[in-house]
């Protein structure tokens, strides 16, 4: 178990892009989502997958359990997710602090948020000039809420097959 303490902000311009890493494609599906807890499967760059359980224990703090899982299992799980969100994640270092900038696609095209993980809830990292208002704790900007806005049945029928690496057909695991 790892404690996760993070703050989230809207991004107001593209000046962060000059300092960003190559982006990684994320597709994450929520298998269980409640107000203060969720179980998520995340597929990253059509190459690997992670199963995550998060339990909120404070405004900024969550307990997080993450496990790498076989890619084939993730493909099966995401087909049964109740909701899905897709984004590209970039890393940007500003004055010694690592920010993760998420650029959303699909129905959320145009939404860009930045997150920073902190060692302590009282930490005040230096604010980059591209940072806008803080939305930490605002449920409207949680990945879980954003995912719920996607029509799940639409996603299942049209998009799961494109998560196959290099267009390969689905490989169901033998029990």
C-alpha atoms as a PDB file:
ATOM      1  CA  UNK A   1       0.000   0.000   0.000  1.00  0.00           C
ATOM      2  CA  UNK A   2       1.154   3.492  -0.848  1.00  0.00           C
ATOM      3  CA  UNK A   3      -0.283   6.756   0.393  1.00  0.00           C
ATOM      4  CA  UNK A   4      -1.053   9.104  -2.479  1.00  0.00           C
ATOM      5  CA  UNK A   5      -1.262  12.824  -1.777  1.00  0.00           C
ATOM      6  CA  UNK A   6      -1.943  14.918  -4.851  1.00  0.00           C
ATOM      7  CA  UNK A   7      -3.265  18.259  -6.020  1.00  0.00           C
ATOM      8  CA  UNK A   8      -5.011  18.826  -9.354  1.00  0.00           C
ATOM      9  CA  UNK A   9      -5.276  22.002 -11.463  1.00  0.00           C
ATOM     10  CA  UNK A  10      -6.722  23.086 -14.770  1.00  0.00           C
ATOM     11  CA  UNK A  11      -4.150  24.014 -17.417  1.00  0.00           C
ATOM     12  CA  UNK A  12      -4.743  27.412 -19.045  1.00  0.00           C
ATOM     13  CA  UNK A  13      -2.323  27.391 -21.992  1.00  0.00           C
ATOM     14  CA  UNK A  14       0.037  25.170 -24.004  1.00  0.00           C
ATOM     15  CA  UNK A  15       3.374  26.613 -22.829  1.00  0.00           C
ATOM     16  CA  UNK A  16       3.995  23.404 -20.824  1.00  0.00           C
ATOM     17  CA  UNK A  17       4.390  21.459 -24.095  1.00  0.00           C
ATOM     18  CA  UNK A  18       7.891  22.878 -24.710  1.00  0.00           C
ATOM     19  CA  UNK A  19       9.090  21.070 -21.564  1.00  0.00           C
ATOM     20  CA  UNK A  20       7.034  17.874 -21.769  1.00  0.00           C
ATOM     21  CA  UNK A  21       8.123  14.275 -22.129  1.00  0.00           C
ATOM     22  CA  UNK A  22       6.763  12.120 -24.928  1.00  0.00           C
ATOM     23  CA  UNK A  23       3.158  11.396 -24.041  1.00  0.00           C
ATOM     24  CA  UNK A  24       1.806   8.016 -23.040  1.00  0.00           C
ATOM     25  CA  UNK A  25      -1.637   6.824 -24.173  1.00  0.00           C
ATOM     26  CA  UNK A  26      -3.857   5.801 -21.264  1.00  0.00           C
ATOM     27  CA  UNK A  27      -7.177   3.982 -21.447  1.00  0.00           C
ATOM     28  CA  UNK A  28      -8.652   3.348 -18.044  1.00  0.00           C
ATOM     29  CA  UNK A  29     -11.838   1.545 -17.169  1.00  0.00           C
ATOM     30  CA  UNK A  30     -13.597   1.550 -13.832  1.00  0.00           C
ATOM     31  CA  UNK A  31     -14.722  -1.869 -12.631  1.00  0.00           C
ATOM     32  CA  UNK A  32     -16.152  -0.480  -9.393  1.00  0.00           C
ATOM     33  CA  UNK A  33     -16.634   3.191  -8.578  1.00  0.00           C
ATOM     34  CA  UNK A  34     -18.031   4.628  -5.376  1.00  0.00           C
ATOM     35  CA  UNK A  35     -17.702   8.058  -3.796  1.00  0.00           C
ATOM     36  CA  UNK A  36     -14.574   7.263  -1.759  1.00  0.00           C
ATOM     37  CA  UNK A  37     -13.176   4.170  -3.478  1.00  0.00           C
ATOM     38  CA  UNK A  38     -12.694   2.574  -6.853  1.00  0.00           C
ATOM     39  CA  UNK A  39     -11.137  -0.313  -8.733  1.00  0.00           C
ATOM     40  CA  UNK A  40      -9.611   0.611 -12.079  1.00  0.00           C
ATOM     41  CA  UNK A  41      -7.834  -1.205 -14.893  1.00  0.00           C
ATOM     42  CA  UNK A  42      -5.427   0.946 -16.888  1.00  0.00           C
ATOM     43  CA  UNK A  43      -3.900   0.119 -20.265  1.00  0.00           C
ATOM     44  CA  UNK A  44      -0.799   2.141 -21.113  1.00  0.00           C
ATOM     45  CA  UNK A  45       0.534   2.562 -24.664  1.00  0.00           C
ATOM     46  CA  UNK A  46      -1.103  -0.703 -25.780  1.00  0.00           C
ATOM     47  CA  UNK A  47       1.823  -2.397 -24.055  1.00  0.00           C
ATOM     48  CA  UNK A  48       1.169  -3.003 -20.377  1.00  0.00           C
ATOM     49  CA  UNK A  49      -1.595  -2.878 -17.798  1.00  0.00           C
ATOM     50  CA  UNK A  50      -2.143  -2.049 -14.145  1.00  0.00           C
ATOM     51  CA  UNK A  51      -4.978  -2.875 -11.759  1.00  0.00           C
ATOM     52  CA  UNK A  52      -5.484  -0.188  -9.098  1.00  0.00           C
ATOM     53  CA  UNK A  53      -7.571   0.036  -5.928  1.00  0.00           C
ATOM     54  CA  UNK A  54      -7.862   3.523  -4.373  1.00  0.00           C
ATOM     55  CA  UNK A  55      -9.478   4.365  -1.038  1.00  0.00           C
ATOM     56  CA  UNK A  56      -9.941   8.038  -0.100  1.00  0.00           C
ATOM     57  CA  UNK A  57      -8.858   8.761   3.478  1.00  0.00           C
ATOM     58  CA  UNK A  58      -8.786  12.581   3.343  1.00  0.00           C
ATOM     59  CA  UNK A  59      -9.325  15.572   1.045  1.00  0.00           C
ATOM     60  CA  UNK A  60      -5.908  15.144  -0.603  1.00  0.00           C
ATOM     61  CA  UNK A  61      -4.946  11.665   0.592  1.00  0.00           C
ATOM     62  CA  UNK A  62      -5.761   8.215  -0.781  1.00  0.00           C
ATOM     63  CA  UNK A  63      -4.436   4.773  -0.021  1.00  0.00           C
ATOM     64  CA  UNK A  64      -3.417   3.149  -3.293  1.00  0.00           C
ATOM     65  CA  UNK A  65      -2.767  -0.474  -4.210  1.00  0.00           C
ATOM     66  CA  UNK A  66      -1.349  -1.065  -7.719  1.00  0.00           C
ATOM     67  CA  UNK A  67      -0.544  -4.329  -9.444  1.00  0.00           C
ATOM     68  CA  UNK A  68       0.810  -5.001 -12.919  1.00  0.00           C
ATOM     69  CA  UNK A  69      -1.434  -7.532 -14.618  1.00  0.00           C
ATOM     70  CA  UNK A  70      -1.211  -9.513 -17.865  1.00  0.00           C
ATOM     71  CA  UNK A  71      -2.234  -7.400 -20.844  1.00  0.00           C
ATOM     72  CA  UNK A  72      -4.708 -10.031 -22.065  1.00  0.00           C
ATOM     73  CA  UNK A  73      -6.455  -9.921 -18.672  1.00  0.00           C
ATOM     74  CA  UNK A  74      -6.714  -6.128 -18.865  1.00  0.00           C
ATOM     75  CA  UNK A  75      -8.368  -6.334 -22.284  1.00  0.00           C
ATOM     76  CA  UNK A  76     -10.975  -8.706 -20.904  1.00  0.00           C
ATOM     77  CA  UNK A  77     -11.543  -6.566 -17.808  1.00  0.00           C
ATOM     78  CA  UNK A  78     -11.892  -3.282 -19.663  1.00  0.00           C
ATOM     79  CA  UNK A  79     -14.626  -4.795 -21.825  1.00  0.00           C
ATOM     80  CA  UNK A  80     -16.694  -5.092 -18.629  1.00  0.00           C
ATOM     81  CA  UNK A  81     -15.809  -1.718 -17.143  1.00  0.00           C
ATOM     82  CA  UNK A  82     -18.779   0.405 -16.130  1.00  0.00           C
ATOM     83  CA  UNK A  83     -17.074   3.522 -17.497  1.00  0.00           C
ATOM     84  CA  UNK A  84     -13.942   4.437 -19.456  1.00  0.00           C
ATOM     85  CA  UNK A  85     -11.782   7.526 -19.982  1.00  0.00           C
ATOM     86  CA  UNK A  86      -8.942   8.056 -22.466  1.00  0.00           C
ATOM     87  CA  UNK A  87      -6.110  10.543 -22.229  1.00  0.00           C
ATOM     88  CA  UNK A  88      -2.493  11.177 -23.080  1.00  0.00           C
ATOM     89  CA  UNK A  89      -0.215  11.772 -20.098  1.00  0.00           C
ATOM     90  CA  UNK A  90       2.904  13.913 -20.263  1.00  0.00           C
ATOM     91  CA  UNK A  91       5.509  14.619 -17.590  1.00  0.00           C
ATOM     92  CA  UNK A  92       6.771  18.163 -17.084  1.00  0.00           C
ATOM     93  CA  UNK A  93       9.421  19.209 -14.575  1.00  0.00           C
ATOM     94  CA  UNK A  94       9.069  22.747 -13.222  1.00  0.00           C
ATOM     95  CA  UNK A  95      11.592  24.082 -10.694  1.00  0.00           C
ATOM     96  CA  UNK A  96      12.471  20.587  -9.517  1.00  0.00           C
ATOM     97  CA  UNK A  97       8.877  19.351  -9.222  1.00  0.00           C
ATOM     98  CA  UNK A  98       7.391  16.682 -11.478  1.00  0.00           C
ATOM     99  CA  UNK A  99       3.940  17.480 -12.876  1.00  0.00           C
ATOM    100  CA  UNK A 100       1.750  15.027 -14.793  1.00  0.00           C
ATOM    101  CA  UNK A 101      -0.287  16.754 -17.495  1.00  0.00           C
ATOM    102  CA  UNK A 102      -3.292  14.833 -18.822  1.00  0.00           C
ATOM    103  CA  UNK A 103      -4.785  15.769 -22.198  1.00  0.00           C
ATOM    104  CA  UNK A 104      -8.200  14.148 -22.553  1.00  0.00           C
ATOM    105  CA  UNK A 105      -9.717  12.888 -25.799  1.00  0.00           C
ATOM    106  CA  UNK A 106     -13.119  11.790 -27.016  1.00  0.00           C
ATOM    107  CA  UNK A 107     -16.051  13.524 -25.345  1.00  0.00           C
ATOM    108  CA  UNK A 108     -13.567  15.381 -23.118  1.00  0.00           C
ATOM    109  CA  UNK A 109     -11.464  16.739 -25.988  1.00  0.00           C
ATOM    110  CA  UNK A 110      -9.972  20.083 -24.946  1.00  0.00           C
ATOM    111  CA  UNK A 111      -9.796  19.308 -21.222  1.00  0.00           C
ATOM    112  CA  UNK A 112      -6.237  19.507 -19.873  1.00  0.00           C
ATOM    113  CA  UNK A 113      -5.388  19.034 -16.190  1.00  0.00           C
ATOM    114  CA  UNK A 114      -2.129  18.876 -14.255  1.00  0.00           C
ATOM    115  CA  UNK A 115      -1.481  16.839 -11.123  1.00  0.00           C
ATOM    116  CA  UNK A 116       1.384  16.804  -8.698  1.00  0.00           C
ATOM    117  CA  UNK A 117       2.074  14.186  -6.046  1.00  0.00           C
ATOM    118  CA  UNK A 118       3.227  15.551  -2.709  1.00  0.00           C
ATOM    119  CA  UNK A 119       5.100  14.119   0.264  1.00  0.00           C
ATOM    120  CA  UNK A 120       2.856  15.978   2.722  1.00  0.00           C
ATOM    121  CA  UNK A 121      -0.566  17.632   2.528  1.00  0.00           C
ATOM    122  CA  UNK A 122       0.952  20.968   3.581  1.00  0.00           C
ATOM    123  CA  UNK A 123       3.501  21.050   0.712  1.00  0.00           C
ATOM    124  CA  UNK A 124       3.176  24.077  -1.601  1.00  0.00           C
ATOM    125  CA  UNK A 125       5.050  23.340  -4.851  1.00  0.00           C
ATOM    126  CA  UNK A 126       6.080  26.234  -7.117  1.00  0.00           C
ATOM    127  CA  UNK A 127       3.272  26.977  -9.577  1.00  0.00           C
ATOM    128  CA  UNK A 128       4.135  26.881 -13.278  1.00  0.00           C
ATOM    129  CA  UNK A 129       2.803  29.814 -15.339  1.00  0.00           C
ATOM    130  CA  UNK A 130       0.522  27.487 -17.334  1.00  0.00           C
ATOM    131  CA  UNK A 131      -1.347  26.376 -14.218  1.00  0.00           C
ATOM    132  CA  UNK A 132      -4.915  27.593 -13.754  1.00  0.00           C
ATOM    133  CA  UNK A 133      -7.404  27.181 -10.921  1.00  0.00           C
ATOM    134  CA  UNK A 134      -7.057  24.308  -8.475  1.00  0.00           C
ATOM    135  CA  UNK A 135      -9.714  21.610  -8.830  1.00  0.00           C
ATOM    136  CA  UNK A 136      -8.462  19.208  -6.138  1.00  0.00           C
ATOM    137  CA  UNK A 137     -11.469  17.537  -4.556  1.00  0.00           C
ATOM    138  CA  UNK A 138     -13.857  18.807  -7.247  1.00  0.00           C
ATOM    139  CA  UNK A 139     -15.638  15.625  -8.298  1.00  0.00           C
ATOM    140  CA  UNK A 140     -16.408  17.070 -11.743  1.00  0.00           C
ATOM    141  CA  UNK A 141     -12.710  16.737 -12.639  1.00  0.00           C
ATOM    142  CA  UNK A 142     -12.048  13.274 -11.229  1.00  0.00           C
ATOM    143  CA  UNK A 143     -11.170  10.615 -13.789  1.00  0.00           C
ATOM    144  CA  UNK A 144     -13.953   8.485 -12.348  1.00  0.00           C
ATOM    145  CA  UNK A 145     -16.578  11.180 -13.012  1.00  0.00           C
ATOM    146  CA  UNK A 146     -15.191  11.954 -16.471  1.00  0.00           C
ATOM    147  CA  UNK A 147     -15.297   8.254 -17.328  1.00  0.00           C
ATOM    148  CA  UNK A 148     -18.948   8.012 -16.296  1.00  0.00           C
ATOM    149  CA  UNK A 149     -19.874  10.534 -18.992  1.00  0.00           C
ATOM    150  CA  UNK A 150     -18.796   8.123 -21.749  1.00  0.00           C
ATOM    151  CA  UNK A 151     -21.534   5.919 -23.180  1.00  0.00           C
ATOM    152  CA  UNK A 152     -20.299   2.537 -21.968  1.00  0.00           C
ATOM    153  CA  UNK A 153     -22.057   0.324 -24.516  1.00  0.00           C
ATOM    154  CA  UNK A 154     -20.766   2.492 -27.343  1.00  0.00           C
ATOM    155  CA  UNK A 155     -17.245   2.124 -26.052  1.00  0.00           C
ATOM    156  CA  UNK A 156     -17.420  -1.642 -25.631  1.00  0.00           C
ATOM    157  CA  UNK A 157     -18.669  -2.342 -29.127  1.00  0.00           C
ATOM    158  CA  UNK A 158     -16.397   0.048 -31.034  1.00  0.00           C
ATOM    159  CA  UNK A 159     -13.176   0.539 -29.129  1.00  0.00           C
ATOM    160  CA  UNK A 160     -11.918  -2.473 -27.182  1.00  0.00           C
ATOM    161  CA  UNK A 161     -10.572  -4.166 -30.323  1.00  0.00           C
ATOM    162  CA  UNK A 162      -8.359  -1.172 -31.109  1.00  0.00           C
ATOM    163  CA  UNK A 163      -6.510  -1.671 -27.806  1.00  0.00           C
ATOM    164  CA  UNK A 164      -4.918  -4.807 -29.242  1.00  0.00           C
ATOM    165  CA  UNK A 165      -1.197  -4.288 -29.846  1.00  0.00           C
ATOM    166  CA  UNK A 166      -0.561  -3.859 -33.585  1.00  0.00           C
ATOM    167  CA  UNK A 167      -4.121  -4.851 -34.508  1.00  0.00           C
ATOM    168  CA  UNK A 168      -3.743  -8.428 -33.253  1.00  0.00           C
ATOM    169  CA  UNK A 169      -6.949 -10.367 -32.557  1.00  0.00           C
ATOM    170  CA  UNK A 170      -7.951 -10.857 -28.942  1.00  0.00           C
ATOM    171  CA  UNK A 171      -6.208 -13.724 -27.174  1.00  0.00           C
ATOM    172  CA  UNK A 172      -8.457 -15.175 -24.498  1.00  0.00           C
ATOM    173  CA  UNK A 173      -6.552 -16.733 -21.624  1.00  0.00           C
ATOM    174  CA  UNK A 174      -6.980 -20.435 -20.970  1.00  0.00           C
ATOM    175  CA  UNK A 175      -8.240 -21.226 -17.473  1.00  0.00           C
END
